């Protein structure tokens, strides 16, 4: 089996966040949310593209197809760790 080998990475990144339901929000009700930092996310996946603006990863990959695509802007990435290759042979 000659599969394309894509590195597995763990990405730590800052996500954007929307708080509140439809309609107007009272600033006082949102005070703690306004002051708190955006959420820190972790993504582990197969790296399928690195570009000047973002990286692209997927959760599953084959020779001609893949699972869900996640694109993370570089400006939101705090760290990216290449995980050790696992030899199945």
N, C-alpha and C. Protein backbone atom coordinates (compact mmCIF):
# COMPACT_ATOMS: atom_id res chain seq x y z
N UNK A 1 0.84 -1.18 0.00
CA UNK A 1 0.00 0.00 0.00
C UNK A 1 0.88 1.24 0.00
N UNK A 2 0.75 2.09 -0.98
CA UNK A 2 1.54 3.30 -1.11
C UNK A 2 0.70 4.52 -0.75
N UNK A 3 0.50 4.76 0.51
CA UNK A 3 -0.29 5.91 0.96
C UNK A 3 0.60 7.14 1.06
N UNK A 4 0.03 8.29 0.76
CA UNK A 4 0.73 9.55 0.96
C UNK A 4 0.82 9.78 2.46
N UNK A 5 2.01 10.12 2.93
CA UNK A 5 2.21 10.34 4.36
C UNK A 5 2.09 11.82 4.66
N UNK A 6 1.09 12.18 5.46
CA UNK A 6 0.92 13.54 5.92
C UNK A 6 1.30 13.60 7.39
N UNK A 7 2.08 14.61 7.80
CA UNK A 7 2.45 14.69 9.20
C UNK A 7 1.23 14.92 10.09
N UNK A 8 1.29 14.39 11.30
CA UNK A 8 0.26 14.61 12.29
C UNK A 8 0.75 15.76 13.18
N UNK A 9 -0.12 16.75 13.38
CA UNK A 9 0.26 17.93 14.16
C UNK A 9 -0.75 18.19 15.27
N UNK A 10 -0.27 18.82 16.33
CA UNK A 10 -1.13 19.33 17.40
C UNK A 10 -0.98 20.84 17.39
N UNK A 11 -2.11 21.53 17.22
CA UNK A 11 -2.11 22.98 17.08
C UNK A 11 -2.82 23.60 18.28
N UNK A 12 -2.20 24.58 18.90
CA UNK A 12 -2.80 25.36 19.97
C UNK A 12 -3.12 26.72 19.36
N UNK A 13 -4.40 27.11 19.42
CA UNK A 13 -4.80 28.35 18.75
C UNK A 13 -5.89 29.08 19.52
N UNK A 14 -5.99 30.37 19.28
CA UNK A 14 -6.98 31.23 19.91
C UNK A 14 -8.17 31.33 18.97
N UNK A 15 -9.36 31.03 19.47
CA UNK A 15 -10.57 31.05 18.66
C UNK A 15 -11.32 32.36 18.83
N UNK A 16 -12.08 32.74 17.83
CA UNK A 16 -13.02 33.85 17.95
C UNK A 16 -14.24 33.33 18.70
N UNK A 17 -15.01 34.22 19.29
CA UNK A 17 -16.14 33.80 20.10
C UNK A 17 -17.30 34.78 19.94
N UNK A 18 -18.50 34.26 19.83
CA UNK A 18 -19.71 35.06 19.81
C UNK A 18 -20.55 34.68 21.02
N UNK A 19 -20.99 35.69 21.76
CA UNK A 19 -21.76 35.44 22.98
C UNK A 19 -23.08 36.21 22.89
N UNK A 20 -24.16 35.57 23.29
CA UNK A 20 -25.47 36.22 23.31
C UNK A 20 -26.41 35.60 22.30
N UNK A 21 -27.69 35.83 22.52
CA UNK A 21 -28.68 35.32 21.59
C UNK A 21 -29.09 36.44 20.62
N UNK A 22 -30.12 36.21 19.85
CA UNK A 22 -30.54 37.26 18.92
C UNK A 22 -31.17 38.41 19.71
N UNK A 23 -31.06 39.57 19.19
CA UNK A 23 -31.56 40.76 19.89
C UNK A 23 -30.43 41.53 20.54
N UNK A 24 -30.79 42.61 21.21
CA UNK A 24 -29.82 43.48 21.86
C UNK A 24 -29.32 42.85 23.15
N UNK A 25 -28.06 43.12 23.47
CA UNK A 25 -27.43 42.61 24.69
C UNK A 25 -27.16 43.79 25.62
N UNK A 26 -27.37 43.59 26.89
CA UNK A 26 -27.04 44.60 27.89
C UNK A 26 -25.54 44.51 28.19
N UNK A 27 -24.84 45.63 28.05
CA UNK A 27 -23.40 45.64 28.30
C UNK A 27 -23.07 45.14 29.70
N UNK A 28 -23.85 45.53 30.68
CA UNK A 28 -23.58 45.10 32.06
C UNK A 28 -23.68 43.58 32.20
N UNK A 29 -24.63 42.96 31.49
CA UNK A 29 -24.78 41.50 31.54
C UNK A 29 -23.60 40.78 30.90
N UNK A 30 -22.92 41.46 29.99
CA UNK A 30 -21.80 40.84 29.28
C UNK A 30 -20.44 41.20 29.86
N UNK A 31 -20.42 41.96 30.95
CA UNK A 31 -19.16 42.48 31.47
C UNK A 31 -18.10 41.39 31.68
N UNK A 32 -18.47 40.28 32.32
CA UNK A 32 -17.46 39.23 32.56
C UNK A 32 -17.00 38.60 31.25
N UNK A 33 -17.90 38.49 30.29
CA UNK A 33 -17.53 37.92 28.98
C UNK A 33 -16.65 38.88 28.19
N UNK A 34 -16.92 40.18 28.32
CA UNK A 34 -16.12 41.19 27.62
C UNK A 34 -14.68 41.15 28.11
N UNK A 35 -14.50 40.97 29.41
CA UNK A 35 -13.18 41.01 30.02
C UNK A 35 -12.40 39.71 29.89
N UNK A 36 -13.09 38.59 29.70
CA UNK A 36 -12.38 37.31 29.64
C UNK A 36 -11.74 37.11 28.27
N UNK A 37 -10.59 36.45 28.24
CA UNK A 37 -9.91 36.23 26.95
C UNK A 37 -10.68 35.22 26.09
N UNK A 38 -10.44 35.26 24.79
CA UNK A 38 -11.08 34.28 23.91
C UNK A 38 -10.62 32.86 24.25
N UNK A 39 -11.39 31.86 23.86
CA UNK A 39 -11.03 30.48 24.20
C UNK A 39 -9.77 30.00 23.49
N UNK A 40 -9.02 29.17 24.20
CA UNK A 40 -7.84 28.52 23.61
C UNK A 40 -8.27 27.13 23.18
N UNK A 41 -8.02 26.80 21.93
CA UNK A 41 -8.44 25.53 21.36
C UNK A 41 -7.21 24.68 21.04
N UNK A 42 -7.42 23.36 20.98
CA UNK A 42 -6.39 22.42 20.55
C UNK A 42 -6.97 21.58 19.42
N UNK A 43 -6.22 21.44 18.37
CA UNK A 43 -6.63 20.61 17.24
C UNK A 43 -5.50 19.64 16.92
N UNK A 44 -5.84 18.37 16.75
CA UNK A 44 -4.89 17.36 16.31
C UNK A 44 -5.40 16.81 14.99
N UNK A 45 -4.52 16.73 13.99
CA UNK A 45 -4.96 16.22 12.71
C UNK A 45 -3.81 16.04 11.73
N UNK A 46 -4.17 15.57 10.55
CA UNK A 46 -3.20 15.40 9.46
C UNK A 46 -3.04 16.73 8.75
N UNK A 47 -1.81 17.22 8.65
CA UNK A 47 -1.52 18.47 7.96
C UNK A 47 -1.61 18.23 6.46
N UNK A 48 -2.50 18.97 5.79
CA UNK A 48 -2.65 18.80 4.34
C UNK A 48 -2.34 20.06 3.55
N UNK A 49 -1.99 21.14 4.23
CA UNK A 49 -1.61 22.36 3.52
C UNK A 49 -1.09 23.43 4.45
N UNK A 50 0.00 24.09 4.04
CA UNK A 50 0.54 25.24 4.76
C UNK A 50 0.65 26.39 3.77
N UNK A 51 0.06 27.53 4.12
CA UNK A 51 -0.01 28.68 3.21
C UNK A 51 0.40 29.94 3.95
N UNK A 52 0.53 31.04 3.25
CA UNK A 52 0.96 32.29 3.87
C UNK A 52 -0.09 32.86 4.82
N UNK A 53 -1.33 32.42 4.72
CA UNK A 53 -2.41 32.95 5.55
C UNK A 53 -2.97 31.95 6.55
N UNK A 54 -2.83 30.64 6.29
CA UNK A 54 -3.49 29.63 7.13
C UNK A 54 -2.84 28.27 6.93
N UNK A 55 -3.23 27.35 7.81
CA UNK A 55 -2.90 25.94 7.62
C UNK A 55 -4.19 25.16 7.50
N UNK A 56 -4.13 24.02 6.86
CA UNK A 56 -5.30 23.15 6.69
C UNK A 56 -4.98 21.77 7.24
N UNK A 57 -5.90 21.25 8.06
CA UNK A 57 -5.76 19.90 8.62
C UNK A 57 -7.07 19.14 8.42
N UNK A 58 -6.95 17.82 8.48
CA UNK A 58 -8.13 16.96 8.40
C UNK A 58 -8.03 15.88 9.47
N UNK A 59 -9.17 15.29 9.80
CA UNK A 59 -9.18 14.25 10.83
C UNK A 59 -8.92 12.85 10.28
N UNK A 60 -9.20 12.64 9.01
CA UNK A 60 -8.98 11.35 8.36
C UNK A 60 -8.52 11.60 6.94
N UNK A 61 -7.64 10.73 6.44
CA UNK A 61 -7.13 10.96 5.08
C UNK A 61 -6.84 9.63 4.39
N UNK A 62 -7.14 9.58 3.12
CA UNK A 62 -6.83 8.44 2.27
C UNK A 62 -6.07 8.93 1.06
N UNK A 63 -5.92 8.05 0.06
CA UNK A 63 -5.18 8.43 -1.15
C UNK A 63 -5.90 9.50 -1.96
N UNK A 64 -7.25 9.47 -1.98
CA UNK A 64 -8.01 10.39 -2.83
C UNK A 64 -9.10 11.16 -2.11
N UNK A 65 -9.26 10.94 -0.82
CA UNK A 65 -10.32 11.64 -0.09
C UNK A 65 -9.90 11.87 1.35
N UNK A 66 -10.63 12.78 2.01
CA UNK A 66 -10.32 13.07 3.41
C UNK A 66 -11.61 13.39 4.16
N UNK A 67 -11.49 13.50 5.48
CA UNK A 67 -12.62 13.86 6.33
C UNK A 67 -12.82 15.36 6.36
N UNK A 68 -13.32 15.85 7.47
CA UNK A 68 -13.59 17.28 7.62
C UNK A 68 -12.31 18.11 7.47
N UNK A 69 -12.43 19.24 6.81
CA UNK A 69 -11.32 20.17 6.62
C UNK A 69 -11.43 21.28 7.64
N UNK A 70 -10.35 21.54 8.36
CA UNK A 70 -10.27 22.66 9.29
C UNK A 70 -9.17 23.59 8.81
N UNK A 71 -9.52 24.87 8.60
CA UNK A 71 -8.54 25.89 8.21
C UNK A 71 -8.38 26.86 9.38
N UNK A 72 -7.13 27.04 9.82
CA UNK A 72 -6.84 27.91 10.95
C UNK A 72 -5.92 29.03 10.49
N UNK A 73 -6.37 30.29 10.63
CA UNK A 73 -5.51 31.42 10.25
C UNK A 73 -4.22 31.42 11.06
N UNK A 74 -3.10 31.70 10.40
CA UNK A 74 -1.80 31.70 11.09
C UNK A 74 -1.77 32.68 12.26
N UNK A 75 -2.45 33.82 12.13
CA UNK A 75 -2.43 34.82 13.20
C UNK A 75 -3.11 34.33 14.48
N UNK A 76 -3.89 33.25 14.39
CA UNK A 76 -4.56 32.70 15.57
C UNK A 76 -3.77 31.56 16.21
N UNK A 77 -2.76 31.07 15.53
CA UNK A 77 -1.97 29.93 16.02
C UNK A 77 -0.92 30.40 17.01
N UNK A 78 -0.89 29.74 18.17
CA UNK A 78 0.11 30.03 19.19
C UNK A 78 1.25 29.03 19.15
N UNK A 79 0.97 27.78 18.78
CA UNK A 79 2.03 26.79 18.63
C UNK A 79 1.53 25.65 17.76
N UNK A 80 2.48 24.98 17.10
CA UNK A 80 2.18 23.79 16.32
C UNK A 80 3.29 22.79 16.54
N UNK A 81 2.92 21.62 17.02
CA UNK A 81 3.86 20.58 17.34
C UNK A 81 3.68 19.43 16.36
N UNK A 82 4.76 19.04 15.71
CA UNK A 82 4.72 17.86 14.84
C UNK A 82 4.85 16.65 15.73
N UNK A 83 3.86 15.76 15.70
CA UNK A 83 3.89 14.57 16.53
C UNK A 83 4.75 13.51 15.88
N UNK A 84 5.32 12.65 16.70
CA UNK A 84 6.23 11.61 16.21
C UNK A 84 5.51 10.66 15.26
N UNK A 85 6.18 10.31 14.18
CA UNK A 85 5.61 9.36 13.24
C UNK A 85 5.48 7.99 13.89
N UNK A 86 4.40 7.31 13.56
CA UNK A 86 4.17 5.96 14.07
C UNK A 86 4.43 5.00 12.92
N UNK A 87 5.36 4.07 13.09
CA UNK A 87 5.67 3.10 12.06
C UNK A 87 4.83 1.85 12.27
N UNK A 88 3.94 1.60 11.31
CA UNK A 88 3.07 0.42 11.40
C UNK A 88 3.69 -0.82 10.78
N UNK A 89 4.92 -0.72 10.29
CA UNK A 89 5.54 -1.83 9.60
C UNK A 89 6.27 -2.72 10.52
